[in-house]
Amino acid sequence: MEQIELVHAIPELKEKYVYIVNRAIELNIITLHEWNRRFKFYRDESGYSFIHYLNCMMKGINNFITSNEIMINNGKELEKRFGVKVITINEFFPAFNL
């Protein structure tokens, strides 16, 4: 039976990551297959951006601020499917010009 796979997860957060992914699967937001084949790779040096994105969506937050290039590059597709806009730090804080 297929299980939730994690890539370089922070050990202390594995349980929380699995909980959020399981919850998204239970709510038919994503499938286990989608997670294991695609979304588990939406991470960077800061961690699992997609899990944080899911958490925002499930809490009704409309914008997700990130520097994760995978999330930014797929932002329009993610917003269309999940309803949460992916924005860069510069879009949110233009004065910082990072």
N, C-alpha and C. Protein backbone atom coordinates (compact mmCIF):
# COMPACT_ATOMS: atom_id res chain seq x y z
N MET A 1 0.84 -1.19 0.00
CA MET A 1 0.00 0.00 0.00
C MET A 1 0.88 1.24 0.00
N GLU A 2 0.52 2.20 -0.81
CA GLU A 2 1.29 3.44 -0.92
C GLU A 2 1.14 4.26 0.35
N GLN A 3 2.25 4.87 0.80
CA GLN A 3 2.26 5.72 1.99
C GLN A 3 2.80 7.09 1.62
N ILE A 4 2.58 8.04 2.51
CA ILE A 4 3.09 9.39 2.30
C ILE A 4 4.61 9.36 2.36
N GLU A 5 5.23 9.86 1.32
CA GLU A 5 6.68 9.95 1.25
C GLU A 5 7.12 11.37 1.55
N LEU A 6 8.22 11.52 2.28
CA LEU A 6 8.78 12.83 2.58
C LEU A 6 10.21 12.89 2.05
N VAL A 7 10.64 14.08 1.66
CA VAL A 7 11.99 14.30 1.15
C VAL A 7 12.72 15.24 2.10
N HIS A 8 13.77 14.77 2.72
CA HIS A 8 14.59 15.59 3.61
C HIS A 8 13.76 16.38 4.63
N ALA A 9 12.81 15.71 5.24
CA ALA A 9 11.95 16.39 6.21
C ALA A 9 12.70 16.63 7.51
N ILE A 10 12.42 17.75 8.14
CA ILE A 10 12.98 18.05 9.46
C ILE A 10 12.37 17.04 10.43
N PRO A 11 13.21 16.24 11.09
CA PRO A 11 12.69 15.15 11.93
C PRO A 11 11.60 15.57 12.92
N GLU A 12 11.77 16.72 13.56
CA GLU A 12 10.80 17.17 14.56
C GLU A 12 9.45 17.53 13.95
N LEU A 13 9.41 17.74 12.64
CA LEU A 13 8.18 18.17 11.98
C LEU A 13 7.50 17.07 11.16
N LYS A 14 8.14 15.90 11.06
CA LYS A 14 7.59 14.83 10.22
C LYS A 14 6.15 14.50 10.58
N GLU A 15 5.85 14.38 11.85
CA GLU A 15 4.51 14.03 12.29
C GLU A 15 3.49 15.09 11.84
N LYS A 16 3.86 16.35 11.97
CA LYS A 16 2.97 17.44 11.55
C LYS A 16 2.79 17.45 10.04
N TYR A 17 3.88 17.23 9.30
CA TYR A 17 3.81 17.18 7.85
C TYR A 17 2.85 16.08 7.40
N VAL A 18 3.03 14.90 7.96
CA VAL A 18 2.18 13.76 7.58
C VAL A 18 0.72 14.06 7.93
N TYR A 19 0.48 14.69 9.07
CA TYR A 19 -0.89 15.03 9.47
C TYR A 19 -1.54 15.95 8.45
N ILE A 20 -0.84 17.01 8.05
CA ILE A 20 -1.40 17.98 7.10
C ILE A 20 -1.65 17.33 5.75
N VAL A 21 -0.70 16.53 5.27
CA VAL A 21 -0.89 15.86 3.98
C VAL A 21 -2.06 14.88 4.08
N ASN A 22 -2.14 14.10 5.15
CA ASN A 22 -3.26 13.18 5.34
C ASN A 22 -4.59 13.92 5.34
N ARG A 23 -4.62 15.05 6.02
CA ARG A 23 -5.85 15.84 6.09
C ARG A 23 -6.26 16.34 4.71
N ALA A 24 -5.28 16.80 3.93
CA ALA A 24 -5.56 17.26 2.57
C ALA A 24 -6.08 16.11 1.70
N ILE A 25 -5.56 14.93 1.91
CA ILE A 25 -6.02 13.75 1.17
C ILE A 25 -7.45 13.39 1.60
N GLU A 26 -7.68 13.39 2.90
CA GLU A 26 -9.02 13.08 3.42
C GLU A 26 -10.08 14.06 2.89
N LEU A 27 -9.70 15.32 2.74
CA LEU A 27 -10.62 16.35 2.25
C LEU A 27 -10.70 16.41 0.72
N ASN A 28 -10.02 15.46 0.06
CA ASN A 28 -9.99 15.39 -1.41
C ASN A 28 -9.42 16.65 -2.05
N ILE A 29 -8.47 17.27 -1.38
CA ILE A 29 -7.77 18.42 -1.92
C ILE A 29 -6.68 17.96 -2.88
N ILE A 30 -5.97 16.93 -2.46
CA ILE A 30 -4.97 16.28 -3.30
C ILE A 30 -5.13 14.77 -3.12
N THR A 31 -4.47 14.02 -3.99
CA THR A 31 -4.45 12.57 -3.83
C THR A 31 -3.08 12.16 -3.30
N LEU A 32 -3.02 10.97 -2.74
CA LEU A 32 -1.74 10.44 -2.28
C LEU A 32 -0.76 10.32 -3.44
N HIS A 33 -1.28 9.90 -4.57
CA HIS A 33 -0.44 9.77 -5.77
C HIS A 33 0.15 11.13 -6.17
N GLU A 34 -0.68 12.17 -6.15
CA GLU A 34 -0.17 13.52 -6.49
C GLU A 34 0.91 13.95 -5.51
N TRP A 35 0.68 13.72 -4.23
CA TRP A 35 1.68 14.09 -3.23
C TRP A 35 3.00 13.38 -3.53
N ASN A 36 2.96 12.06 -3.64
CA ASN A 36 4.19 11.28 -3.80
C ASN A 36 4.89 11.50 -5.13
N ARG A 37 4.15 11.83 -6.17
CA ARG A 37 4.76 12.00 -7.49
C ARG A 37 5.12 13.45 -7.81
N ARG A 38 4.48 14.40 -7.14
CA ARG A 38 4.71 15.79 -7.51
C ARG A 38 4.95 16.71 -6.32
N PHE A 39 3.96 16.84 -5.46
CA PHE A 39 3.98 17.89 -4.45
C PHE A 39 5.03 17.69 -3.35
N LYS A 40 5.47 16.46 -3.13
CA LYS A 40 6.50 16.26 -2.10
C LYS A 40 7.81 16.94 -2.50
N PHE A 41 7.95 17.28 -3.77
CA PHE A 41 9.17 17.94 -4.25
C PHE A 41 9.07 19.47 -4.19
N TYR A 42 7.93 20.02 -3.77
CA TYR A 42 7.76 21.47 -3.67
C TYR A 42 8.35 21.95 -2.35
N ARG A 43 9.63 21.82 -2.22
CA ARG A 43 10.32 22.20 -1.00
C ARG A 43 11.63 22.88 -1.35
N ASP A 44 12.20 23.56 -0.39
CA ASP A 44 13.50 24.20 -0.58
C ASP A 44 14.25 24.16 0.74
N GLU A 45 15.28 24.97 0.86
CA GLU A 45 16.09 24.95 2.09
C GLU A 45 15.29 25.34 3.33
N SER A 46 14.16 25.98 3.14
CA SER A 46 13.30 26.38 4.26
C SER A 46 12.33 25.29 4.66
N GLY A 47 12.19 24.28 3.83
CA GLY A 47 11.28 23.19 4.16
C GLY A 47 10.21 22.97 3.12
N TYR A 48 9.11 22.39 3.56
CA TYR A 48 8.01 22.03 2.67
C TYR A 48 7.07 23.19 2.42
N SER A 49 7.34 23.96 1.41
CA SER A 49 6.49 25.10 1.07
C SER A 49 5.08 24.66 0.74
N PHE A 50 4.94 23.53 0.05
CA PHE A 50 3.60 23.10 -0.34
C PHE A 50 2.75 22.73 0.87
N ILE A 51 3.35 22.17 1.89
CA ILE A 51 2.61 21.83 3.10
C ILE A 51 2.14 23.12 3.77
N HIS A 52 2.98 24.14 3.81
CA HIS A 52 2.57 25.42 4.38
C HIS A 52 1.48 26.06 3.53
N TYR A 53 1.59 25.88 2.22
CA TYR A 53 0.56 26.37 1.29
C TYR A 53 -0.78 25.69 1.59
N LEU A 54 -0.76 24.37 1.73
CA LEU A 54 -1.98 23.63 2.06
C LEU A 54 -2.58 24.12 3.37
N ASN A 55 -1.73 24.34 4.34
CA ASN A 55 -2.18 24.81 5.64
C ASN A 55 -2.88 26.17 5.50
N CYS A 56 -2.31 27.07 4.70
CA CYS A 56 -2.95 28.36 4.44
C CYS A 56 -4.32 28.16 3.80
N MET A 57 -4.38 27.31 2.81
CA MET A 57 -5.63 27.06 2.11
C MET A 57 -6.69 26.52 3.07
N MET A 58 -6.33 25.56 3.90
CA MET A 58 -7.28 24.96 4.81
C MET A 58 -7.74 25.93 5.90
N LYS A 59 -6.95 26.98 6.15
CA LYS A 59 -7.32 27.99 7.14
C LYS A 59 -7.99 29.21 6.51
N GLY A 60 -8.19 29.18 5.19
CA GLY A 60 -8.87 30.27 4.50
C GLY A 60 -8.02 31.49 4.25
N ILE A 61 -6.71 31.33 4.23
CA ILE A 61 -5.80 32.44 3.95
C ILE A 61 -5.66 32.57 2.43
N ASN A 62 -5.77 33.77 1.91
CA ASN A 62 -5.84 33.99 0.46
C ASN A 62 -4.50 34.12 -0.24
N ASN A 63 -3.43 34.47 0.49
CA ASN A 63 -2.11 34.68 -0.12
C ASN A 63 -1.05 33.86 0.59
N PHE A 64 -0.13 33.35 -0.19
CA PHE A 64 0.99 32.59 0.35
C PHE A 64 2.28 33.27 -0.09
N ILE A 65 3.02 33.80 0.86
CA ILE A 65 4.28 34.50 0.56
C ILE A 65 5.42 33.50 0.62
N THR A 66 6.24 33.48 -0.44
CA THR A 66 7.32 32.50 -0.49
C THR A 66 8.48 32.98 -1.35
N SER A 67 9.64 32.39 -1.11
CA SER A 67 10.79 32.58 -1.99
C SER A 67 11.09 31.29 -2.74
N ASN A 68 10.26 30.27 -2.54
CA ASN A 68 10.45 28.97 -3.17
C ASN A 68 10.17 29.07 -4.66
N GLU A 69 11.20 28.85 -5.47
CA GLU A 69 11.10 29.00 -6.92
C GLU A 69 10.08 28.05 -7.54
N ILE A 70 9.98 26.83 -7.02
CA ILE A 70 9.01 25.88 -7.56
C ILE A 70 7.59 26.41 -7.36
N MET A 71 7.32 26.93 -6.17
CA MET A 71 6.00 27.48 -5.87
C MET A 71 5.73 28.70 -6.75
N ILE A 72 6.72 29.57 -6.88
CA ILE A 72 6.55 30.78 -7.68
C ILE A 72 6.31 30.42 -9.15
N ASN A 73 7.11 29.49 -9.68
CA ASN A 73 6.97 29.10 -11.08
C ASN A 73 5.64 28.43 -11.39
N ASN A 74 5.03 27.80 -10.40
CA ASN A 74 3.75 27.12 -10.58
C ASN A 74 2.60 27.87 -9.92
N GLY A 75 2.84 29.11 -9.54
CA GLY A 75 1.87 29.89 -8.78
C GLY A 75 0.51 30.05 -9.42
N LYS A 76 0.49 30.35 -10.71
CA LYS A 76 -0.79 30.56 -11.39
C LYS A 76 -1.61 29.26 -11.43
N GLU A 77 -0.94 28.16 -11.70
CA GLU A 77 -1.61 26.85 -11.71
C GLU A 77 -2.14 26.50 -10.32
N LEU A 78 -1.32 26.74 -9.29
CA LEU A 78 -1.75 26.45 -7.92
C LEU A 78 -2.94 27.32 -7.52
N GLU A 79 -2.87 28.61 -7.85
CA GLU A 79 -3.97 29.51 -7.51
C GLU A 79 -5.26 29.08 -8.21
N LYS A 80 -5.17 28.71 -9.47
CA LYS A 80 -6.35 28.28 -10.21
C LYS A 80 -6.97 27.04 -9.57
N ARG A 81 -6.15 26.13 -9.14
CA ARG A 81 -6.66 24.88 -8.57
C ARG A 81 -7.10 25.02 -7.12
N PHE A 82 -6.27 25.71 -6.30
CA PHE A 82 -6.50 25.72 -4.86
C PHE A 82 -7.03 27.04 -4.31
N GLY A 83 -6.97 28.11 -5.12
CA GLY A 83 -7.55 29.37 -4.70
C GLY A 83 -6.68 30.26 -3.83
N VAL A 84 -5.44 29.87 -3.61
CA VAL A 84 -4.52 30.68 -2.81
C VAL A 84 -3.45 31.23 -3.74
N LYS A 85 -3.31 32.55 -3.75
CA LYS A 85 -2.34 33.20 -4.62
C LYS A 85 -0.93 33.06 -4.03
N VAL A 86 0.01 32.68 -4.88
CA VAL A 86 1.42 32.59 -4.50
C VAL A 86 2.06 33.92 -4.86
N ILE A 87 2.65 34.58 -3.86
CA ILE A 87 3.32 35.86 -4.12
C ILE A 87 4.73 35.81 -3.55
N THR A 88 5.59 36.58 -4.19
CA THR A 88 6.98 36.65 -3.73
C THR A 88 7.10 37.65 -2.58
N ILE A 89 8.20 37.57 -1.90
CA ILE A 89 8.47 38.51 -0.81
C ILE A 89 8.48 39.93 -1.36
N ASN A 90 9.08 40.13 -2.55
CA ASN A 90 9.13 41.47 -3.15
C ASN A 90 7.75 42.00 -3.52
N GLU A 91 6.85 41.13 -3.92
CA GLU A 91 5.49 41.58 -4.23
C GLU A 91 4.76 42.02 -2.95
N PHE A 92 5.04 41.36 -1.87
CA PHE A 92 4.38 41.68 -0.61
C PHE A 92 5.04 42.88 0.08
N PHE A 93 6.38 42.94 0.00
CA PHE A 93 7.15 44.03 0.61
C PHE A 93 7.99 44.73 -0.46
N PRO A 94 7.38 45.47 -1.38
CA PRO A 94 8.15 46.05 -2.49
C PRO A 94 9.29 46.95 -2.05
N ALA A 95 9.19 47.58 -0.92
CA ALA A 95 10.24 48.48 -0.46
C ALA A 95 11.53 47.73 -0.11
N PHE A 96 11.41 46.44 0.18
CA PHE A 96 12.60 45.66 0.55
C PHE A 96 13.49 45.38 -0.63
N ASN A 97 12.87 45.21 -1.82
CA ASN A 97 13.61 44.94 -3.05
C ASN A 97 14.68 43.88 -2.85
N LEU A 98 14.26 42.70 -2.40
CA LEU A 98 15.19 41.60 -2.13
C LEU A 98 15.61 40.89 -3.40
